[in-house]
Amino acid sequence: MSFTNISVRTSDTDAVAGAVKRLPRHMNALVAPAERGWVTVFEESMDEPDDDRLSGYVVMLSDRLKTAAVGFLVFESDVLMYTAAENGRLADQYSSWPDYFDENLPDEDHERLAGNPKVLAQLAGVAELPVRRAMEAEHDFAEEKLAALARALGLPPVVAQWGYNDLTDESLEEGPANRTAFITIPYHAISVLPSE
């Protein structure tokens, strides 16, 4: 299982949809209704294992909306990665298997991808200990680790289950109960994030 999504700390779904429309997107996007004080974004091109694109979108949405945002990437059920930002500044990054894509990853990149439960908990406005426990716990699959982390952060359950491709798969029998309430944002060639 592979998927990505970004959760933005706000209850203003329309503001998130507006910011997504102005991202330098390459494909379509979906924006879920606000839940637990977070709005989750699913963008089609992010479902490829491209943590640079995911990180860029997290920082851009955080900057545009002046709030916290965290993006998750699950790859082949083996790796969980996240990027967290606040007010447009990169705050934290994590990989459950840092050298999965590069066996020669430098030590400084291992340190950069270690994740900081304290920073992540502060961004989410939750206690640090449950976040730390979720990050340190052993799980058979990356999506199980993400589910534990999402619970600790108070994120909507959809974060640990779906990506854009899953949500738009016509043969998908299961899915979020509120899937029809998602805002669909089609790709358009003029999508850019204007400067302030």
N, C-alpha and C. Protein backbone atom coordinates (compact mmCIF):
# COMPACT_ATOMS: atom_id res chain seq x y z
N MET A 1 0.85 -1.17 0.00
CA MET A 1 0.00 0.00 0.00
C MET A 1 0.90 1.24 0.00
N SER A 2 0.59 2.18 -0.90
CA SER A 2 1.32 3.45 -0.97
C SER A 2 0.32 4.58 -1.11
N PHE A 3 0.51 5.65 -0.35
CA PHE A 3 -0.37 6.81 -0.47
C PHE A 3 0.25 8.00 0.25
N THR A 4 -0.27 9.19 -0.05
CA THR A 4 0.15 10.41 0.64
C THR A 4 -1.06 11.28 0.92
N ASN A 5 -0.91 12.19 1.86
CA ASN A 5 -1.91 13.21 2.12
C ASN A 5 -1.29 14.27 3.03
N ILE A 6 -1.96 15.40 3.10
CA ILE A 6 -1.51 16.51 3.94
C ILE A 6 -2.66 16.95 4.82
N SER A 7 -2.41 17.11 6.11
CA SER A 7 -3.41 17.64 7.02
C SER A 7 -3.00 19.04 7.45
N VAL A 8 -3.94 19.97 7.37
CA VAL A 8 -3.71 21.37 7.71
C VAL A 8 -4.50 21.68 8.97
N ARG A 9 -3.87 22.31 9.96
CA ARG A 9 -4.53 22.58 11.24
C ARG A 9 -5.43 23.81 11.12
N THR A 10 -6.66 23.55 10.74
CA THR A 10 -7.69 24.57 10.60
C THR A 10 -9.02 23.86 10.44
N SER A 11 -10.10 24.59 10.66
CA SER A 11 -11.43 24.06 10.38
C SER A 11 -12.05 24.74 9.17
N ASP A 12 -11.27 25.58 8.49
CA ASP A 12 -11.75 26.35 7.34
C ASP A 12 -11.46 25.60 6.04
N THR A 13 -12.35 24.69 5.69
CA THR A 13 -12.18 23.87 4.50
C THR A 13 -12.08 24.72 3.24
N ASP A 14 -12.89 25.76 3.15
CA ASP A 14 -12.87 26.61 1.95
C ASP A 14 -11.53 27.32 1.79
N ALA A 15 -10.94 27.76 2.89
CA ALA A 15 -9.63 28.42 2.81
C ALA A 15 -8.57 27.44 2.32
N VAL A 16 -8.62 26.20 2.80
CA VAL A 16 -7.67 25.19 2.35
C VAL A 16 -7.87 24.90 0.87
N ALA A 17 -9.13 24.75 0.45
CA ALA A 17 -9.41 24.50 -0.97
C ALA A 17 -8.87 25.65 -1.82
N GLY A 18 -9.04 26.88 -1.37
CA GLY A 18 -8.53 28.03 -2.10
C GLY A 18 -7.02 28.00 -2.22
N ALA A 19 -6.34 27.62 -1.14
CA ALA A 19 -4.87 27.53 -1.17
C ALA A 19 -4.41 26.40 -2.07
N VAL A 20 -5.12 25.28 -2.06
CA VAL A 20 -4.77 24.16 -2.93
C VAL A 20 -4.91 24.55 -4.40
N LYS A 21 -5.94 25.33 -4.72
CA LYS A 21 -6.14 25.78 -6.10
C LYS A 21 -4.96 26.59 -6.60
N ARG A 22 -4.26 27.25 -5.70
CA ARG A 22 -3.14 28.11 -6.11
C ARG A 22 -1.78 27.43 -6.01
N LEU A 23 -1.76 26.15 -5.62
CA LEU A 23 -0.50 25.42 -5.59
C LEU A 23 -0.02 25.17 -7.03
N PRO A 24 1.28 25.03 -7.22
CA PRO A 24 1.78 24.66 -8.55
C PRO A 24 1.55 23.17 -8.79
N ARG A 25 0.28 22.81 -8.87
CA ARG A 25 -0.10 21.40 -8.98
C ARG A 25 0.06 20.89 -10.41
N HIS A 26 0.21 19.59 -10.50
CA HIS A 26 0.33 18.94 -11.80
C HIS A 26 -0.89 18.09 -12.12
N MET A 27 -1.73 17.85 -11.13
CA MET A 27 -2.88 16.98 -11.30
C MET A 27 -4.05 17.46 -10.43
N ASN A 28 -5.07 16.62 -10.32
CA ASN A 28 -6.28 16.94 -9.56
C ASN A 28 -6.05 16.79 -8.06
N ALA A 29 -6.99 17.33 -7.29
CA ALA A 29 -6.88 17.23 -5.83
C ALA A 29 -8.27 17.08 -5.22
N LEU A 30 -8.30 16.56 -4.01
CA LEU A 30 -9.51 16.45 -3.19
C LEU A 30 -9.22 17.07 -1.84
N VAL A 31 -10.21 17.75 -1.27
CA VAL A 31 -10.08 18.32 0.07
C VAL A 31 -11.23 17.78 0.91
N ALA A 32 -10.87 17.13 2.01
CA ALA A 32 -11.87 16.53 2.89
C ALA A 32 -12.48 17.60 3.79
N PRO A 33 -13.71 17.39 4.24
CA PRO A 33 -14.31 18.32 5.20
C PRO A 33 -13.49 18.35 6.49
N ALA A 34 -13.55 19.46 7.19
CA ALA A 34 -12.82 19.60 8.46
C ALA A 34 -13.30 18.54 9.45
N GLU A 35 -12.33 17.98 10.16
CA GLU A 35 -12.63 16.98 11.18
C GLU A 35 -11.57 17.08 12.27
N ARG A 36 -11.99 17.21 13.51
CA ARG A 36 -11.08 17.29 14.66
C ARG A 36 -10.13 18.49 14.56
N GLY A 37 -10.55 19.54 13.87
CA GLY A 37 -9.72 20.73 13.77
C GLY A 37 -8.66 20.65 12.67
N TRP A 38 -8.82 19.69 11.77
CA TRP A 38 -7.87 19.50 10.67
C TRP A 38 -8.64 19.34 9.36
N VAL A 39 -8.02 19.81 8.28
CA VAL A 39 -8.54 19.59 6.92
C VAL A 39 -7.48 18.81 6.17
N THR A 40 -7.87 17.71 5.54
CA THR A 40 -6.91 16.84 4.85
C THR A 40 -7.02 17.01 3.35
N VAL A 41 -5.86 17.08 2.71
CA VAL A 41 -5.74 17.29 1.26
C VAL A 41 -5.15 16.05 0.62
N PHE A 42 -5.72 15.66 -0.49
CA PHE A 42 -5.24 14.52 -1.28
C PHE A 42 -4.97 15.04 -2.68
N GLU A 43 -3.72 15.00 -3.11
CA GLU A 43 -3.37 15.52 -4.43
C GLU A 43 -2.83 14.36 -5.27
N GLU A 44 -3.31 14.25 -6.49
CA GLU A 44 -3.04 13.08 -7.33
C GLU A 44 -1.55 12.83 -7.55
N SER A 45 -0.78 13.84 -7.88
CA SER A 45 0.63 13.61 -8.20
C SER A 45 1.45 13.23 -6.97
N MET A 46 0.96 13.55 -5.78
CA MET A 46 1.70 13.20 -4.55
C MET A 46 1.65 11.71 -4.27
N ASP A 47 0.72 10.97 -4.87
CA ASP A 47 0.64 9.54 -4.58
C ASP A 47 1.82 8.77 -5.16
N GLU A 48 2.64 9.42 -5.96
CA GLU A 48 3.91 8.84 -6.35
C GLU A 48 4.87 9.08 -5.19
N PRO A 49 5.85 8.19 -4.99
CA PRO A 49 6.76 8.38 -3.84
C PRO A 49 7.74 9.52 -4.08
N ASP A 50 7.25 10.75 -3.92
CA ASP A 50 8.06 11.94 -4.14
C ASP A 50 7.99 12.81 -2.89
N ASP A 51 8.90 12.56 -1.95
CA ASP A 51 8.83 13.30 -0.69
C ASP A 51 9.20 14.77 -0.87
N ASP A 52 9.93 15.12 -1.94
CA ASP A 52 10.24 16.53 -2.20
C ASP A 52 8.98 17.31 -2.56
N ARG A 53 8.13 16.74 -3.41
CA ARG A 53 6.88 17.40 -3.78
C ARG A 53 5.98 17.52 -2.55
N LEU A 54 5.87 16.43 -1.80
CA LEU A 54 5.05 16.45 -0.59
C LEU A 54 5.55 17.53 0.36
N SER A 55 6.86 17.57 0.62
CA SER A 55 7.42 18.56 1.53
C SER A 55 7.14 19.98 1.03
N GLY A 56 7.30 20.19 -0.27
CA GLY A 56 7.04 21.51 -0.83
C GLY A 56 5.61 21.94 -0.62
N TYR A 57 4.66 21.04 -0.86
CA TYR A 57 3.24 21.37 -0.69
C TYR A 57 2.91 21.64 0.78
N VAL A 58 3.51 20.86 1.69
CA VAL A 58 3.28 21.08 3.12
C VAL A 58 3.71 22.48 3.52
N VAL A 59 4.91 22.87 3.12
CA VAL A 59 5.43 24.19 3.47
C VAL A 59 4.58 25.29 2.83
N MET A 60 4.20 25.12 1.55
CA MET A 60 3.40 26.14 0.86
C MET A 60 2.03 26.32 1.51
N LEU A 61 1.35 25.22 1.83
CA LEU A 61 0.03 25.33 2.45
C LEU A 61 0.14 25.95 3.84
N SER A 62 1.15 25.55 4.59
CA SER A 62 1.37 26.12 5.92
C SER A 62 1.62 27.62 5.83
N ASP A 63 2.40 28.03 4.85
CA ASP A 63 2.71 29.45 4.67
C ASP A 63 1.46 30.23 4.24
N ARG A 64 0.76 29.72 3.28
CA ARG A 64 -0.41 30.43 2.74
C ARG A 64 -1.50 30.58 3.80
N LEU A 65 -1.66 29.56 4.64
CA LEU A 65 -2.75 29.56 5.62
C LEU A 65 -2.29 29.97 7.02
N LYS A 66 -1.00 30.25 7.16
CA LYS A 66 -0.42 30.70 8.44
C LYS A 66 -0.82 29.79 9.60
N THR A 67 -0.55 28.51 9.41
CA THR A 67 -0.88 27.51 10.42
C THR A 67 0.07 26.33 10.28
N ALA A 68 -0.18 25.28 11.03
CA ALA A 68 0.61 24.06 10.95
C ALA A 68 0.05 23.14 9.89
N ALA A 69 0.94 22.38 9.27
CA ALA A 69 0.54 21.35 8.30
C ALA A 69 1.51 20.20 8.41
N VAL A 70 1.01 19.00 8.22
CA VAL A 70 1.86 17.82 8.23
C VAL A 70 1.44 16.91 7.09
N GLY A 71 2.43 16.48 6.31
CA GLY A 71 2.17 15.59 5.19
C GLY A 71 2.76 14.22 5.45
N PHE A 72 2.01 13.19 5.09
CA PHE A 72 2.45 11.81 5.32
C PHE A 72 2.61 11.08 4.00
N LEU A 73 3.63 10.22 3.95
CA LEU A 73 3.85 9.34 2.80
C LEU A 73 4.05 7.94 3.34
N VAL A 74 3.24 7.01 2.85
CA VAL A 74 3.42 5.59 3.13
C VAL A 74 3.84 4.96 1.81
N PHE A 75 4.95 4.22 1.82
CA PHE A 75 5.42 3.58 0.59
C PHE A 75 5.50 2.08 0.76
N GLU A 76 4.73 1.37 -0.06
CA GLU A 76 4.73 -0.10 -0.10
C GLU A 76 4.55 -0.73 1.28
N SER A 77 3.85 -0.06 2.16
CA SER A 77 3.62 -0.52 3.53
C SER A 77 4.90 -0.70 4.33
N ASP A 78 6.05 -0.32 3.75
CA ASP A 78 7.34 -0.50 4.40
C ASP A 78 7.83 0.76 5.11
N VAL A 79 7.56 1.92 4.52
CA VAL A 79 8.15 3.17 4.99
C VAL A 79 7.07 4.19 5.31
N LEU A 80 7.21 4.85 6.44
CA LEU A 80 6.38 6.00 6.78
C LEU A 80 7.29 7.21 6.85
N MET A 81 6.91 8.26 6.12
CA MET A 81 7.64 9.52 6.17
C MET A 81 6.66 10.63 6.49
N TYR A 82 7.14 11.67 7.17
CA TYR A 82 6.32 12.87 7.31
C TYR A 82 7.18 14.10 7.21
N THR A 83 6.53 15.18 6.82
CA THR A 83 7.11 16.52 6.83
C THR A 83 6.12 17.40 7.56
N ALA A 84 6.61 18.18 8.52
CA ALA A 84 5.75 19.10 9.27
C ALA A 84 6.28 20.52 9.11
N ALA A 85 5.35 21.46 9.01
CA ALA A 85 5.72 22.87 8.87
C ALA A 85 4.76 23.71 9.70
N GLU A 86 5.24 24.90 10.07
CA GLU A 86 4.39 25.85 10.77
C GLU A 86 4.67 27.23 10.22
N ASN A 87 3.59 27.91 9.84
CA ASN A 87 3.69 29.27 9.29
C ASN A 87 4.71 29.37 8.16
N GLY A 88 4.75 28.33 7.32
CA GLY A 88 5.62 28.35 6.16
C GLY A 88 7.06 27.95 6.40
N ARG A 89 7.36 27.52 7.61
CA ARG A 89 8.73 27.10 7.93
C ARG A 89 8.76 25.61 8.22
N LEU A 90 9.71 24.94 7.58
CA LEU A 90 9.90 23.52 7.84
C LEU A 90 10.22 23.32 9.31
N ALA A 91 9.47 22.45 9.98
CA ALA A 91 9.63 22.26 11.43
C ALA A 91 10.23 20.90 11.78
N ASP A 92 9.89 19.86 11.02
CA ASP A 92 10.32 18.52 11.40
C ASP A 92 10.14 17.58 10.21
N GLN A 93 11.03 16.58 10.15
CA GLN A 93 10.90 15.53 9.13
C GLN A 93 11.23 14.19 9.78
N TYR A 94 10.67 13.13 9.20
CA TYR A 94 10.81 11.80 9.77
C TYR A 94 10.74 10.75 8.67
N SER A 95 11.52 9.70 8.84
CA SER A 95 11.40 8.50 8.01
C SER A 95 11.60 7.30 8.91
N SER A 96 10.71 6.35 8.84
CA SER A 96 10.83 5.14 9.64
C SER A 96 11.96 4.23 9.13
N TRP A 97 12.41 4.49 7.90
CA TRP A 97 13.49 3.70 7.29
C TRP A 97 14.30 4.65 6.42
N PRO A 98 15.15 5.47 7.02
CA PRO A 98 15.79 6.56 6.30
C PRO A 98 16.57 6.16 5.05
N ASP A 99 17.25 5.00 5.08
CA ASP A 99 18.05 4.63 3.91
C ASP A 99 17.33 3.65 2.98
N TYR A 100 16.01 3.63 3.04
CA TYR A 100 15.22 2.74 2.17
C TYR A 100 15.48 3.06 0.71
N PHE A 101 15.49 4.34 0.34
CA PHE A 101 15.67 4.74 -1.05
C PHE A 101 17.14 4.98 -1.40
N ASP A 102 18.00 5.07 -0.41
CA ASP A 102 19.41 5.37 -0.64
C ASP A 102 20.24 4.72 0.46
N GLU A 103 20.89 3.60 0.14
CA GLU A 103 21.67 2.87 1.14
C GLU A 103 22.89 3.66 1.61
N ASN A 104 23.30 4.66 0.85
CA ASN A 104 24.47 5.47 1.20
C ASN A 104 24.07 6.83 1.78
N LEU A 105 22.93 6.88 2.41
CA LEU A 105 22.45 8.14 2.97
C LEU A 105 23.43 8.66 4.03
N PRO A 106 23.84 9.92 3.91
CA PRO A 106 24.79 10.48 4.89
C PRO A 106 24.20 10.52 6.30
N ASP A 107 25.09 10.48 7.29
CA ASP A 107 24.67 10.50 8.69
C ASP A 107 23.81 11.71 9.02
N GLU A 108 24.14 12.88 8.44
CA GLU A 108 23.36 14.08 8.74
C GLU A 108 21.92 13.96 8.25
N ASP A 109 21.71 13.20 7.16
CA ASP A 109 20.34 12.98 6.69
C ASP A 109 19.59 12.02 7.60
N HIS A 110 20.30 11.06 8.17
CA HIS A 110 19.69 10.17 9.16
C HIS A 110 19.19 10.99 10.35
N GLU A 111 20.02 11.92 10.80
CA GLU A 111 19.65 12.79 11.92
C GLU A 111 18.47 13.68 11.55
N ARG A 112 18.49 14.23 10.34
CA ARG A 112 17.41 15.12 9.88
C ARG A 112 16.09 14.39 9.81
N LEU A 113 16.13 13.10 9.49
CA LEU A 113 14.90 12.31 9.31
C LEU A 113 14.52 11.52 10.56
N ALA A 114 15.12 11.84 11.69
CA ALA A 114 14.83 11.11 12.94
C ALA A 114 13.48 11.48 13.53
N GLY A 115 12.96 12.65 13.19
CA GLY A 115 11.68 13.10 13.75
C GLY A 115 11.84 13.58 15.17
N ASN A 116 11.02 14.55 15.55
CA ASN A 116 11.08 15.10 16.90
C ASN A 116 9.66 15.11 17.47
N PRO A 117 9.34 14.14 18.33
CA PRO A 117 7.99 14.05 18.88
C PRO A 117 7.53 15.33 19.58
N LYS A 118 8.47 16.03 20.23
CA LYS A 118 8.11 17.26 20.94
C LYS A 118 7.63 18.32 19.95
N VAL A 119 8.36 18.50 18.86
CA VAL A 119 7.98 19.49 17.85
C VAL A 119 6.65 19.12 17.21
N LEU A 120 6.50 17.85 16.86
CA LEU A 120 5.27 17.40 16.21
C LEU A 120 4.07 17.57 17.14
N ALA A 121 4.24 17.23 18.40
CA ALA A 121 3.15 17.38 19.38
C ALA A 121 2.77 18.85 19.55
N GLN A 122 3.76 19.72 19.61
CA GLN A 122 3.48 21.16 19.74
C GLN A 122 2.71 21.68 18.53
N LEU A 123 3.10 21.24 17.33
CA LEU A 123 2.38 21.67 16.12
C LEU A 123 0.91 21.26 16.16
N ALA A 124 0.67 20.08 16.71
CA ALA A 124 -0.69 19.55 16.75
C ALA A 124 -1.46 20.01 18.00
N GLY A 125 -0.76 20.58 18.97
CA GLY A 125 -1.41 21.02 20.19
C GLY A 125 -1.83 19.86 21.08
N VAL A 126 -0.98 18.80 21.12
CA VAL A 126 -1.30 17.62 21.92
C VAL A 126 -0.12 17.31 22.84
N ALA A 127 -0.32 16.36 23.74
CA ALA A 127 0.74 15.94 24.66
C ALA A 127 1.84 15.19 23.90
N GLU A 128 3.06 15.37 24.35
CA GLU A 128 4.21 14.76 23.68
C GLU A 128 4.30 13.25 23.87
N LEU A 129 4.02 12.75 25.07
CA LEU A 129 4.25 11.34 25.38
C LEU A 129 3.53 10.38 24.43
N PRO A 130 2.23 10.56 24.14
CA PRO A 130 1.58 9.64 23.19
C PRO A 130 2.20 9.71 21.79
N VAL A 131 2.64 10.89 21.38
CA VAL A 131 3.28 11.02 20.06
C VAL A 131 4.60 10.27 20.06
N ARG A 132 5.38 10.44 21.11
CA ARG A 132 6.67 9.74 21.23
C ARG A 132 6.45 8.22 21.22
N ARG A 133 5.48 7.75 21.97
CA ARG A 133 5.20 6.31 22.01
C ARG A 133 4.80 5.78 20.64
N ALA A 134 3.97 6.54 19.93
CA ALA A 134 3.54 6.12 18.58
C ALA A 134 4.73 6.05 17.63
N MET A 135 5.64 7.01 17.73
CA MET A 135 6.80 7.02 16.84
C MET A 135 7.79 5.91 17.18
N GLU A 136 7.91 5.56 18.45
CA GLU A 136 8.89 4.56 18.86
C GLU A 136 8.36 3.13 18.79
N ALA A 137 7.06 2.95 18.72
CA ALA A 137 6.47 1.61 18.71
C ALA A 137 6.81 0.86 17.42
N GLU A 138 6.96 -0.44 17.55
CA GLU A 138 7.21 -1.30 16.39
C GLU A 138 5.87 -1.73 15.78
N HIS A 139 5.80 -1.67 14.47
CA HIS A 139 4.59 -2.10 13.75
C HIS A 139 5.02 -2.91 12.54
N ASP A 140 4.16 -3.85 12.13
CA ASP A 140 4.47 -4.66 10.95
C ASP A 140 4.38 -3.86 9.66
N PHE A 141 3.45 -2.89 9.62
CA PHE A 141 3.22 -2.13 8.40
C PHE A 141 3.25 -0.64 8.69
N ALA A 142 3.73 0.12 7.71
CA ALA A 142 3.85 1.58 7.88
C ALA A 142 2.51 2.24 8.14
N GLU A 143 1.44 1.74 7.52
CA GLU A 143 0.13 2.35 7.73
C GLU A 143 -0.37 2.12 9.15
N GLU A 144 0.07 1.04 9.82
CA GLU A 144 -0.28 0.82 11.22
C GLU A 144 0.42 1.85 12.10
N LYS A 145 1.69 2.14 11.79
CA LYS A 145 2.43 3.15 12.53
C LYS A 145 1.77 4.51 12.32
N LEU A 146 1.36 4.80 11.08
CA LEU A 146 0.69 6.06 10.80
C LEU A 146 -0.64 6.15 11.55
N ALA A 147 -1.39 5.06 11.63
CA ALA A 147 -2.66 5.08 12.35
C ALA A 147 -2.44 5.43 13.82
N ALA A 148 -1.41 4.84 14.43
CA ALA A 148 -1.09 5.14 15.84
C ALA A 148 -0.67 6.60 16.00
N LEU A 149 0.14 7.08 15.06
CA LEU A 149 0.60 8.47 15.12
C LEU A 149 -0.56 9.44 14.91
N ALA A 150 -1.43 9.13 13.97
CA ALA A 150 -2.60 9.99 13.70
C ALA A 150 -3.50 10.08 14.93
N ARG A 151 -3.70 8.95 15.62
CA ARG A 151 -4.50 8.97 16.85
C ARG A 151 -3.85 9.86 17.90
N ALA A 152 -2.53 9.73 18.06
CA ALA A 152 -1.82 10.51 19.07
C ALA A 152 -1.87 12.01 18.75
N LEU A 153 -1.89 12.34 17.47
CA LEU A 153 -1.92 13.75 17.06
C LEU A 153 -3.34 14.32 16.98
N GLY A 154 -4.34 13.46 17.11
CA GLY A 154 -5.73 13.92 17.02
C GLY A 154 -6.17 14.19 15.59
N LEU A 155 -5.54 13.52 14.63
CA LEU A 155 -5.87 13.71 13.21
C LEU A 155 -7.06 12.84 12.81
N PRO A 156 -7.76 13.21 11.75
CA PRO A 156 -8.87 12.39 11.25
C PRO A 156 -8.37 11.00 10.84
N PRO A 157 -9.15 9.95 11.05
CA PRO A 157 -8.74 8.59 10.69
C PRO A 157 -8.39 8.43 9.20
N VAL A 158 -9.00 9.24 8.34
CA VAL A 158 -8.76 9.14 6.90
C VAL A 158 -7.29 9.31 6.55
N VAL A 159 -6.53 10.00 7.40
CA VAL A 159 -5.11 10.25 7.17
C VAL A 159 -4.33 8.94 7.06
N ALA A 160 -4.71 7.94 7.84
CA ALA A 160 -3.96 6.69 7.88
C ALA A 160 -4.52 5.63 6.94
N GLN A 161 -5.45 6.02 6.08
CA GLN A 161 -6.10 5.00 5.26
C GLN A 161 -6.08 5.25 3.77
N TRP A 162 -6.02 6.51 3.35
CA TRP A 162 -6.29 6.79 1.96
C TRP A 162 -5.34 7.80 1.34
N GLY A 163 -5.19 7.67 0.04
CA GLY A 163 -4.53 8.65 -0.80
C GLY A 163 -5.49 9.02 -1.92
N TYR A 164 -5.09 9.93 -2.78
CA TYR A 164 -5.95 10.38 -3.87
C TYR A 164 -6.42 9.21 -4.73
N ASN A 165 -5.49 8.36 -5.14
CA ASN A 165 -5.86 7.26 -6.04
C ASN A 165 -6.85 6.30 -5.41
N ASP A 166 -6.72 6.08 -4.10
CA ASP A 166 -7.69 5.22 -3.41
C ASP A 166 -9.08 5.85 -3.43
N LEU A 167 -9.14 7.13 -3.14
CA LEU A 167 -10.43 7.82 -3.02
C LEU A 167 -11.15 7.98 -4.35
N THR A 168 -10.42 7.93 -5.45
CA THR A 168 -11.06 8.10 -6.77
C THR A 168 -11.21 6.78 -7.50
N ASP A 169 -10.83 5.68 -6.87
CA ASP A 169 -10.96 4.37 -7.49
C ASP A 169 -12.43 3.96 -7.48
N GLU A 170 -13.00 3.84 -8.68
CA GLU A 170 -14.43 3.50 -8.80
C GLU A 170 -14.77 2.14 -8.21
N SER A 171 -13.79 1.22 -8.19
CA SER A 171 -14.07 -0.11 -7.68
C SER A 171 -13.93 -0.21 -6.16
N LEU A 172 -13.52 0.89 -5.54
CA LEU A 172 -13.34 0.90 -4.09
C LEU A 172 -14.68 0.71 -3.39
N GLU A 173 -14.80 -0.39 -2.67
CA GLU A 173 -16.06 -0.68 -1.98
C GLU A 173 -16.15 0.04 -0.65
N GLU A 174 -15.00 0.23 -0.01
CA GLU A 174 -14.97 0.94 1.25
C GLU A 174 -14.45 2.34 1.01
N GLY A 175 -14.57 3.17 1.99
CA GLY A 175 -14.06 4.52 1.88
C GLY A 175 -14.65 5.36 2.99
N PRO A 176 -14.21 6.60 3.09
CA PRO A 176 -14.77 7.46 4.12
C PRO A 176 -16.27 7.65 3.91
N ALA A 177 -17.00 7.63 5.00
CA ALA A 177 -18.46 7.77 4.91
C ALA A 177 -18.85 9.11 4.28
N ASN A 178 -17.99 10.12 4.47
CA ASN A 178 -18.32 11.46 3.98
C ASN A 178 -17.64 11.79 2.65
N ARG A 179 -17.25 10.77 1.89
CA ARG A 179 -16.49 10.99 0.65
C ARG A 179 -17.22 11.93 -0.32
N THR A 180 -18.53 11.90 -0.34
CA THR A 180 -19.27 12.77 -1.26
C THR A 180 -19.17 14.24 -0.87
N ALA A 181 -18.75 14.51 0.37
CA ALA A 181 -18.61 15.90 0.82
C ALA A 181 -17.23 16.48 0.51
N PHE A 182 -16.33 15.66 -0.05
CA PHE A 182 -15.00 16.16 -0.40
C PHE A 182 -15.13 17.19 -1.52
N ILE A 183 -14.28 18.21 -1.48
CA ILE A 183 -14.24 19.20 -2.54
C ILE A 183 -13.27 18.71 -3.61
N THR A 184 -13.74 18.63 -4.85
CA THR A 184 -12.90 18.22 -5.97
C THR A 184 -12.30 19.46 -6.62
N ILE A 185 -10.98 19.44 -6.77
CA ILE A 185 -10.29 20.57 -7.38
C ILE A 185 -9.56 20.06 -8.62
N PRO A 186 -10.12 20.32 -9.80
CA PRO A 186 -9.47 19.84 -11.02
C PRO A 186 -8.19 20.62 -11.31
N TYR A 187 -7.28 19.95 -11.98
CA TYR A 187 -6.04 20.61 -12.39
C TYR A 187 -6.38 21.70 -13.41
N HIS A 188 -5.69 22.83 -13.31
CA HIS A 188 -5.78 23.84 -14.36
C HIS A 188 -4.40 24.46 -14.53
N ALA A 189 -4.06 24.77 -15.75
CA ALA A 189 -2.70 25.16 -16.11
C ALA A 189 -2.24 26.44 -15.44
N ILE A 190 -3.15 27.26 -14.93
CA ILE A 190 -2.75 28.55 -14.34
C ILE A 190 -2.53 28.40 -12.84
N SER A 191 -2.53 27.18 -12.31
CA SER A 191 -2.45 27.06 -10.86
C SER A 191 -1.05 27.41 -10.36
N VAL A 192 -0.96 28.57 -9.74
CA VAL A 192 0.29 29.03 -9.13
C VAL A 192 -0.03 29.64 -7.79
N LEU A 193 0.93 29.67 -6.92
CA LEU A 193 0.75 30.29 -5.62
C LEU A 193 1.25 31.74 -5.75
N PRO A 194 0.34 32.71 -5.80
CA PRO A 194 0.77 34.08 -6.00
C PRO A 194 1.53 34.61 -4.80
N SER A 195 2.43 35.52 -5.05
CA SER A 195 3.15 36.14 -3.94
C SER A 195 2.23 37.10 -3.23
N GLU A 196 2.52 37.33 -1.98
CA GLU A 196 1.68 38.22 -1.18
C GLU A 196 1.86 39.65 -1.63
